[in-house]
């Protein structure tokens, strides 16, 4: 009986540790493929829509994006 409980607890600990490292690995890989948005990307997006944004407009958009994280 006690042996079964120890196996269960040991399995849970191993699962949590393995899950943490797997999630960390996949998250790092995702962020390298899809980096978070930066000011240069916002400026490029606004330019492609036919506007030449000022630095103030770019900072306003960045502030709005950071507010919704």
N, C-alpha and C. Protein backbone atom coordinates (compact mmCIF):
# COMPACT_ATOMS: atom_id res chain seq x y z
N UNK A 1 0.82 -1.19 0.00
CA UNK A 1 0.00 0.00 0.00
C UNK A 1 0.87 1.26 0.00
N UNK A 2 1.82 1.32 0.92
CA UNK A 2 2.72 2.47 1.01
C UNK A 2 3.58 2.57 -0.24
N UNK A 3 3.96 1.42 -0.77
CA UNK A 3 4.79 1.40 -1.98
C UNK A 3 4.04 2.01 -3.16
N UNK A 4 2.76 1.72 -3.28
CA UNK A 4 1.96 2.30 -4.37
C UNK A 4 1.84 3.82 -4.25
N UNK A 5 1.70 4.31 -3.05
CA UNK A 5 1.59 5.75 -2.83
C UNK A 5 2.91 6.43 -3.20
N UNK A 6 4.04 5.81 -2.84
CA UNK A 6 5.34 6.38 -3.18
C UNK A 6 5.54 6.40 -4.68
N UNK A 7 5.11 5.35 -5.39
CA UNK A 7 5.20 5.35 -6.85
C UNK A 7 4.36 6.47 -7.45
N UNK A 8 3.18 6.67 -6.91
CA UNK A 8 2.29 7.72 -7.39
C UNK A 8 2.91 9.11 -7.19
N UNK A 9 3.42 9.36 -6.00
CA UNK A 9 4.03 10.65 -5.71
C UNK A 9 5.29 10.85 -6.57
N UNK A 10 6.10 9.82 -6.70
CA UNK A 10 7.30 9.91 -7.53
C UNK A 10 6.96 10.17 -8.99
N UNK A 11 5.93 9.51 -9.49
CA UNK A 11 5.49 9.72 -10.86
C UNK A 11 4.98 11.13 -11.09
N UNK A 12 4.25 11.66 -10.12
CA UNK A 12 3.76 13.03 -10.22
C UNK A 12 4.90 14.03 -10.24
N UNK A 13 5.90 13.83 -9.39
CA UNK A 13 7.05 14.74 -9.35
C UNK A 13 7.80 14.71 -10.67
N UNK A 14 8.06 13.52 -11.18
CA UNK A 14 8.76 13.39 -12.46
C UNK A 14 7.95 14.02 -13.58
N UNK A 15 6.64 13.83 -13.58
CA UNK A 15 5.78 14.41 -14.60
C UNK A 15 5.77 15.93 -14.57
N UNK A 16 5.73 16.50 -13.39
CA UNK A 16 5.72 17.96 -13.26
C UNK A 16 7.05 18.54 -13.74
N UNK A 17 8.15 17.93 -13.36
CA UNK A 17 9.46 18.42 -13.77
C UNK A 17 9.62 18.29 -15.28
N UNK A 18 9.26 17.14 -15.83
CA UNK A 18 9.37 16.95 -17.28
C UNK A 18 8.44 17.90 -18.03
N UNK A 19 7.25 18.12 -17.53
CA UNK A 19 6.32 19.05 -18.16
C UNK A 19 6.83 20.48 -18.15
N UNK A 20 7.46 20.88 -17.07
CA UNK A 20 8.02 22.23 -16.98
C UNK A 20 9.09 22.44 -18.04
N UNK A 21 10.03 21.49 -18.14
CA UNK A 21 11.11 21.66 -19.11
C UNK A 21 10.62 21.55 -20.54
N UNK A 22 9.65 20.69 -20.81
CA UNK A 22 9.08 20.61 -22.16
C UNK A 22 8.36 21.91 -22.52
N UNK A 23 7.57 22.45 -21.61
CA UNK A 23 6.85 23.69 -21.88
C UNK A 23 7.85 24.84 -22.09
N UNK A 24 8.90 24.87 -21.30
CA UNK A 24 9.92 25.91 -21.45
C UNK A 24 10.61 25.81 -22.81
N UNK A 25 10.94 24.59 -23.23
CA UNK A 25 11.59 24.38 -24.52
C UNK A 25 10.70 24.84 -25.66
N UNK A 26 9.43 24.42 -25.64
CA UNK A 26 8.53 24.78 -26.73
C UNK A 26 8.24 26.28 -26.75
N UNK A 27 8.17 26.91 -25.59
CA UNK A 27 7.92 28.34 -25.54
C UNK A 27 9.12 29.12 -26.08
N UNK A 28 10.32 28.71 -25.75
CA UNK A 28 11.51 29.37 -26.29
C UNK A 28 11.58 29.20 -27.80
N UNK A 29 11.25 28.02 -28.30
CA UNK A 29 11.27 27.79 -29.74
C UNK A 29 10.21 28.64 -30.44
N UNK A 30 9.04 28.76 -29.84
CA UNK A 30 7.98 29.58 -30.41
C UNK A 30 8.41 31.05 -30.48
N UNK A 31 9.02 31.55 -29.42
CA UNK A 31 9.43 32.96 -29.39
C UNK A 31 10.56 33.25 -30.36
N UNK A 32 11.41 32.28 -30.65
CA UNK A 32 12.45 32.53 -31.65
C UNK A 32 11.85 32.56 -33.06
N UNK A 33 10.84 31.75 -33.32
CA UNK A 33 10.19 31.76 -34.63
C UNK A 33 9.24 32.94 -34.79
N UNK A 34 8.57 33.35 -33.73
CA UNK A 34 7.60 34.44 -33.75
C UNK A 34 7.95 35.45 -32.66
N UNK A 35 8.90 36.33 -32.93
CA UNK A 35 9.30 37.28 -31.89
C UNK A 35 8.16 38.25 -31.56
N UNK A 36 8.15 38.77 -30.35
CA UNK A 36 7.12 39.74 -29.98
C UNK A 36 7.24 40.99 -30.85
N UNK A 37 6.15 41.71 -30.97
CA UNK A 37 6.11 42.88 -31.85
C UNK A 37 6.97 43.99 -31.26
N UNK A 38 7.66 44.72 -32.14
CA UNK A 38 8.50 45.82 -31.70
C UNK A 38 8.15 47.07 -32.50
N UNK A 39 8.81 48.18 -32.21
CA UNK A 39 8.49 49.46 -32.83
C UNK A 39 8.73 49.42 -34.34
N UNK A 40 9.77 48.72 -34.75
CA UNK A 40 10.08 48.65 -36.19
C UNK A 40 8.96 47.93 -36.95
N UNK A 41 8.39 46.89 -36.35
CA UNK A 41 7.30 46.16 -37.00
C UNK A 41 6.05 47.04 -37.12
N UNK A 42 5.78 47.83 -36.09
CA UNK A 42 4.62 48.72 -36.13
C UNK A 42 4.81 49.78 -37.20
N UNK A 43 6.01 50.33 -37.26
CA UNK A 43 6.30 51.35 -38.28
C UNK A 43 6.15 50.78 -39.68
N UNK A 44 6.64 49.56 -39.90
CA UNK A 44 6.51 48.91 -41.20
C UNK A 44 5.05 48.66 -41.55
N UNK A 45 4.26 48.22 -40.57
CA UNK A 45 2.85 47.95 -40.80
C UNK A 45 2.10 49.23 -41.18
N UNK A 46 2.37 50.32 -40.46
CA UNK A 46 1.69 51.57 -40.75
C UNK A 46 2.13 52.12 -42.11
N UNK A 47 3.40 51.95 -42.46
CA UNK A 47 3.89 52.40 -43.76
C UNK A 47 3.24 51.60 -44.88
N UNK A 48 3.05 50.30 -44.67
CA UNK A 48 2.42 49.48 -45.71
C UNK A 48 0.95 49.83 -45.90
N UNK A 49 0.34 50.46 -44.88
CA UNK A 49 -1.05 50.89 -45.01
C UNK A 49 -1.15 52.28 -45.64
N UNK A 50 -0.02 52.85 -46.03
CA UNK A 50 -0.05 54.12 -46.74
C UNK A 50 0.15 55.34 -45.86
N UNK A 51 0.65 55.17 -44.65
CA UNK A 51 0.89 56.30 -43.75
C UNK A 51 2.35 56.32 -43.36
N UNK A 52 2.87 57.50 -43.17
CA UNK A 52 4.22 57.65 -42.62
C UNK A 52 4.05 58.04 -41.16
N UNK A 53 4.21 57.07 -40.26
CA UNK A 53 3.95 57.36 -38.84
C UNK A 53 5.07 58.18 -38.20
N UNK A 54 4.68 59.02 -37.28
CA UNK A 54 5.67 59.74 -36.49
C UNK A 54 6.09 58.84 -35.32
N UNK A 55 7.17 59.22 -34.67
CA UNK A 55 7.64 58.44 -33.53
C UNK A 55 6.61 58.44 -32.40
N UNK A 56 5.89 59.53 -32.26
CA UNK A 56 4.86 59.63 -31.23
C UNK A 56 3.74 58.62 -31.49
N UNK A 57 3.32 58.49 -32.75
CA UNK A 57 2.26 57.53 -33.08
C UNK A 57 2.72 56.09 -32.83
N UNK A 58 3.98 55.81 -33.17
CA UNK A 58 4.50 54.46 -32.95
C UNK A 58 4.53 54.16 -31.46
N UNK A 59 4.96 55.11 -30.65
CA UNK A 59 5.00 54.89 -29.20
C UNK A 59 3.61 54.72 -28.62
N UNK A 60 2.61 55.46 -29.16
CA UNK A 60 1.24 55.30 -28.68
C UNK A 60 0.73 53.90 -28.97
N UNK A 61 1.01 53.39 -30.16
CA UNK A 61 0.57 52.03 -30.51
C UNK A 61 1.28 51.00 -29.62
N UNK A 62 2.57 51.20 -29.36
CA UNK A 62 3.31 50.28 -28.49
C UNK A 62 2.73 50.28 -27.08
N UNK A 63 2.38 51.47 -26.58
CA UNK A 63 1.77 51.56 -25.24
C UNK A 63 0.43 50.84 -25.19
N UNK A 64 -0.37 50.97 -26.25
CA UNK A 64 -1.64 50.26 -26.30
C UNK A 64 -1.44 48.75 -26.34
N UNK A 65 -0.46 48.31 -27.11
CA UNK A 65 -0.19 46.87 -27.20
C UNK A 65 0.29 46.33 -25.85
N UNK A 66 1.14 47.08 -25.18
CA UNK A 66 1.66 46.61 -23.88
C UNK A 66 0.59 46.61 -22.80
N UNK A 67 -0.40 47.48 -22.94
CA UNK A 67 -1.48 47.53 -21.96
C UNK A 67 -2.35 46.26 -22.02
N UNK A 68 -2.45 45.63 -23.18
CA UNK A 68 -3.33 44.48 -23.35
C UNK A 68 -2.60 43.15 -23.22
N UNK A 69 -1.37 43.15 -22.73
CA UNK A 69 -0.63 41.89 -22.54
C UNK A 69 -1.15 41.13 -21.37
